[in-house]
Amino acid sequence: HAFVLFFFMLLPILFGGFGNSLVPLLLRAPDMSFPRMYNLSFSLLPPSLFLLFMSSMLETGVRAGSTVYPPLPSTTGHMRSSMHFAIFSLHLPGASSIMRAVNFISTIINMRFNSMSMQKVPLFVSSVFI
């Protein structure tokens, strides 16, 4: 429940959706620096969501809670393929977030309007940059 809400709903919508539409508008740029990288970062989310749902259907499912705190998955009966699927399914949104961050940083640094310095960048853009 927490994995799906945080990694597949909250982060992609807040940073991916709003960031991808508002950062070029506020910077007066035609588009993001690497639009294909953004498409690739978005296309990593459905397979990872599928892996997360498959991990709940394998064997006994993931019984480690929403934090996957190390003592919980390492107890007997929890280190099965379902736990490996769940952990791998969290690596894909992480890679997606890294690609999105590289795209945002390169867009903010390289595609600003000519007279816009880093001190004159709007607050939303600087918060995405940080």
C-alpha atoms as a PDB file:
ATOM      1  CA  HIS A   1       0.000   0.000   0.000  1.00  0.00           C
ATOM      2  CA  ALA A   2       2.676   2.490   0.979  1.00  0.00           C
ATOM      3  CA  PHE A   3       4.979   1.437  -1.876  1.00  0.00           C
ATOM      4  CA  VAL A   4       2.297   2.002  -4.485  1.00  0.00           C
ATOM      5  CA  LEU A   5       1.199   5.316  -3.008  1.00  0.00           C
ATOM      6  CA  PHE A   6       4.650   6.820  -2.590  1.00  0.00           C
ATOM      7  CA  PHE A   7       6.732   5.406  -5.456  1.00  0.00           C
ATOM      8  CA  PHE A   8       4.045   5.081  -8.118  1.00  0.00           C
ATOM      9  CA  MET A   9       1.543   7.862  -7.382  1.00  0.00           C
ATOM     10  CA  LEU A  10       3.032  10.681  -5.317  1.00  0.00           C
ATOM     11  CA  LEU A  11       6.545  11.054  -6.741  1.00  0.00           C
ATOM     12  CA  PRO A  12       5.725  10.554 -10.447  1.00  0.00           C
ATOM     13  CA  ILE A  13       2.751  12.926 -10.310  1.00  0.00           C
ATOM     14  CA  LEU A  14       4.359  15.688  -8.237  1.00  0.00           C
ATOM     15  CA  PHE A  15       7.808  15.722  -9.781  1.00  0.00           C
ATOM     16  CA  GLY A  16       7.175  14.020 -13.096  1.00  0.00           C
ATOM     17  CA  GLY A  17       3.847  15.480 -14.135  1.00  0.00           C
ATOM     18  CA  PHE A  18       3.951  18.952 -12.621  1.00  0.00           C
ATOM     19  CA  GLY A  19       7.698  19.325 -13.072  1.00  0.00           C
ATOM     20  CA  ASN A  20       7.685  18.284 -16.702  1.00  0.00           C
ATOM     21  CA  SER A  21       4.885  20.682 -17.567  1.00  0.00           C
ATOM     22  CA  LEU A  22       5.808  23.677 -15.390  1.00  0.00           C
ATOM     23  CA  VAL A  23       9.611  23.826 -15.511  1.00  0.00           C
ATOM     24  CA  PRO A  24       9.840  24.533 -19.282  1.00  0.00           C
ATOM     25  CA  LEU A  25       6.986  27.043 -19.023  1.00  0.00           C
ATOM     26  CA  LEU A  26       8.596  28.943 -16.168  1.00  0.00           C
ATOM     27  CA  LEU A  27      12.010  28.906 -17.846  1.00  0.00           C
ATOM     28  CA  ARG A  28      10.532  29.927 -21.213  1.00  0.00           C
ATOM     29  CA  ALA A  29      12.123  26.859 -22.780  1.00  0.00           C
ATOM     30  CA  PRO A  30      10.482  25.003 -25.669  1.00  0.00           C
ATOM     31  CA  ASP A  31      10.761  21.584 -23.978  1.00  0.00           C
ATOM     32  CA  MET A  32      12.872  19.587 -21.542  1.00  0.00           C
ATOM     33  CA  SER A  33      16.523  18.958 -22.423  1.00  0.00           C
ATOM     34  CA  PHE A  34      16.077  15.233 -22.981  1.00  0.00           C
ATOM     35  CA  PRO A  35      12.449  14.420 -23.816  1.00  0.00           C
ATOM     36  CA  ARG A  36      13.263  10.803 -24.692  1.00  0.00           C
ATOM     37  CA  MET A  37      14.913  10.310 -21.326  1.00  0.00           C
ATOM     38  CA  TYR A  38      11.712  11.532 -19.705  1.00  0.00           C
ATOM     39  CA  ASN A  39       9.728   9.034 -21.780  1.00  0.00           C
ATOM     40  CA  LEU A  40      12.098   6.257 -20.732  1.00  0.00           C
ATOM     41  CA  SER A  41      11.848   7.244 -17.073  1.00  0.00           C
ATOM     42  CA  PHE A  42       8.073   7.165 -17.317  1.00  0.00           C
ATOM     43  CA  SER A  43       8.075   3.837 -19.153  1.00  0.00           C
ATOM     44  CA  LEU A  44      10.011   2.187 -16.306  1.00  0.00           C
ATOM     45  CA  LEU A  45       7.088   2.675 -13.916  1.00  0.00           C
ATOM     46  CA  PRO A  46       4.518   0.173 -15.315  1.00  0.00           C
ATOM     47  CA  PRO A  47       6.938  -2.808 -15.353  1.00  0.00           C
ATOM     48  CA  SER A  48       8.046  -2.038 -11.813  1.00  0.00           C
ATOM     49  CA  LEU A  49       4.432  -1.762 -10.673  1.00  0.00           C
ATOM     50  CA  PHE A  50       3.772  -5.117 -12.345  1.00  0.00           C
ATOM     51  CA  LEU A  51       6.751  -6.639 -10.482  1.00  0.00           C
ATOM     52  CA  LEU A  52       5.447  -5.263  -7.198  1.00  0.00           C
ATOM     53  CA  PHE A  53       2.022  -6.797  -7.767  1.00  0.00           C
ATOM     54  CA  MET A  54       3.620 -10.084  -8.841  1.00  0.00           C
ATOM     55  CA  SER A  55       5.634 -10.154  -5.628  1.00  0.00           C
ATOM     56  CA  SER A  56       2.422 -10.169  -3.618  1.00  0.00           C
ATOM     57  CA  MET A  57       1.144 -13.162  -5.602  1.00  0.00           C
ATOM     58  CA  LEU A  58       4.292 -15.277  -5.308  1.00  0.00           C
ATOM     59  CA  GLU A  59       4.610 -17.820  -2.495  1.00  0.00           C
ATOM     60  CA  THR A  60       3.640 -16.118   0.762  1.00  0.00           C
ATOM     61  CA  GLY A  61       3.892 -12.541  -0.443  1.00  0.00           C
ATOM     62  CA  VAL A  62       5.916  -9.752   1.079  1.00  0.00           C
ATOM     63  CA  ARG A  63       5.489  -9.718   4.843  1.00  0.00           C
ATOM     64  CA  ALA A  64       8.015  -7.049   5.724  1.00  0.00           C
ATOM     65  CA  GLY A  65       5.809  -4.002   6.172  1.00  0.00           C
ATOM     66  CA  SER A  66       5.952  -0.814   4.196  1.00  0.00           C
ATOM     67  CA  THR A  67       9.465   0.120   5.310  1.00  0.00           C
ATOM     68  CA  VAL A  68      11.203  -3.204   4.521  1.00  0.00           C
ATOM     69  CA  TYR A  69      13.224  -2.767   7.690  1.00  0.00           C
ATOM     70  CA  PRO A  70      16.157  -5.248   7.544  1.00  0.00           C
ATOM     71  CA  PRO A  71      15.266  -7.530  10.496  1.00  0.00           C
ATOM     72  CA  LEU A  72      11.810  -8.219   9.070  1.00  0.00           C
ATOM     73  CA  PRO A  73      12.781  -9.608   5.650  1.00  0.00           C
ATOM     74  CA  SER A  74      15.787 -11.499   7.031  1.00  0.00           C
ATOM     75  CA  THR A  75      13.792 -13.682   9.418  1.00  0.00           C
ATOM     76  CA  THR A  76      13.052 -17.208   8.332  1.00  0.00           C
ATOM     77  CA  GLY A  77      10.332 -17.516   5.769  1.00  0.00           C
ATOM     78  CA  HIS A  78      10.644 -13.985   4.430  1.00  0.00           C
ATOM     79  CA  MET A  79      13.739 -14.216   2.251  1.00  0.00           C
ATOM     80  CA  ARG A  80      11.984 -15.753  -0.708  1.00  0.00           C
ATOM     81  CA  SER A  81      11.563 -14.754  -4.308  1.00  0.00           C
ATOM     82  CA  SER A  82       8.602 -12.536  -3.430  1.00  0.00           C
ATOM     83  CA  MET A  83      10.869 -10.331  -1.324  1.00  0.00           C
ATOM     84  CA  HIS A  84      13.442 -10.160  -4.121  1.00  0.00           C
ATOM     85  CA  PHE A  85      10.748  -9.128  -6.595  1.00  0.00           C
ATOM     86  CA  ALA A  86       9.547  -6.393  -4.234  1.00  0.00           C
ATOM     87  CA  ILE A  87      13.044  -5.022  -3.666  1.00  0.00           C
ATOM     88  CA  PHE A  88      13.841  -5.088  -7.393  1.00  0.00           C
ATOM     89  CA  SER A  89      10.548  -3.380  -8.148  1.00  0.00           C
ATOM     90  CA  LEU A  90      11.725  -0.471  -5.965  1.00  0.00           C
ATOM     91  CA  HIS A  91      14.991  -0.166  -7.871  1.00  0.00           C
ATOM     92  CA  LEU A  92      13.212   0.655 -11.135  1.00  0.00           C
ATOM     93  CA  PRO A  93      11.380   3.744  -9.795  1.00  0.00           C
ATOM     94  CA  GLY A  94      14.693   4.794  -8.254  1.00  0.00           C
ATOM     95  CA  ALA A  95      16.350   4.657 -11.664  1.00  0.00           C
ATOM     96  CA  SER A  96      13.364   6.530 -13.070  1.00  0.00           C
ATOM     97  CA  SER A  97      13.778   9.270 -10.462  1.00  0.00           C
ATOM     98  CA  ILE A  98      17.489   9.585 -11.214  1.00  0.00           C
ATOM     99  CA  MET A  99      16.790   9.992 -14.937  1.00  0.00           C
ATOM    100  CA  ARG A 100      14.105  12.566 -14.193  1.00  0.00           C
ATOM    101  CA  ALA A 101      16.499  14.487 -11.913  1.00  0.00           C
ATOM    102  CA  VAL A 102      19.250  14.536 -14.556  1.00  0.00           C
ATOM    103  CA  ASN A 103      16.728  15.846 -17.069  1.00  0.00           C
ATOM    104  CA  PHE A 104      15.519  18.592 -14.715  1.00  0.00           C
ATOM    105  CA  ILE A 105      19.025  19.694 -13.742  1.00  0.00           C
ATOM    106  CA  SER A 106      20.230  19.867 -17.341  1.00  0.00           C
ATOM    107  CA  THR A 107      17.089  21.742 -18.394  1.00  0.00           C
ATOM    108  CA  ILE A 108      17.410  24.299 -15.602  1.00  0.00           C
ATOM    109  CA  ILE A 109      21.113  24.904 -16.212  1.00  0.00           C
ATOM    110  CA  ASN A 110      21.177  24.872 -20.016  1.00  0.00           C
ATOM    111  CA  MET A 111      17.754  26.003 -21.252  1.00  0.00           C
ATOM    112  CA  ARG A 112      16.990  29.127 -19.231  1.00  0.00           C
ATOM    113  CA  PHE A 113      15.906  32.324 -20.915  1.00  0.00           C
ATOM    114  CA  ASN A 114      18.886  34.513 -21.872  1.00  0.00           C
ATOM    115  CA  SER A 115      18.369  37.217 -19.247  1.00  0.00           C
ATOM    116  CA  MET A 116      17.412  34.795 -16.456  1.00  0.00           C
ATOM    117  CA  SER A 117      20.198  34.112 -13.984  1.00  0.00           C
ATOM    118  CA  MET A 118      20.021  31.443 -11.303  1.00  0.00           C
ATOM    119  CA  GLN A 119      18.995  34.122  -8.797  1.00  0.00           C
ATOM    120  CA  LYS A 120      15.992  35.120 -10.930  1.00  0.00           C
ATOM    121  CA  VAL A 121      14.691  31.598 -11.466  1.00  0.00           C
ATOM    122  CA  PRO A 122      11.146  31.096 -10.075  1.00  0.00           C
ATOM    123  CA  LEU A 123      10.804  29.387  -6.701  1.00  0.00           C
ATOM    124  CA  PHE A 124       9.226  26.201  -8.072  1.00  0.00           C
ATOM    125  CA  VAL A 125      12.074  25.750 -10.534  1.00  0.00           C
ATOM    126  CA  SER A 126      14.713  26.269  -7.853  1.00  0.00           C
ATOM    127  CA  SER A 127      12.953  23.786  -5.557  1.00  0.00           C
ATOM    128  CA  VAL A 128      12.935  21.187  -8.346  1.00  0.00           C
ATOM    129  CA  PHE A 129      16.622  21.956  -8.943  1.00  0.00           C
ATOM    130  CA  ILE A 130      17.478  21.385  -5.291  1.00  0.00           C
END
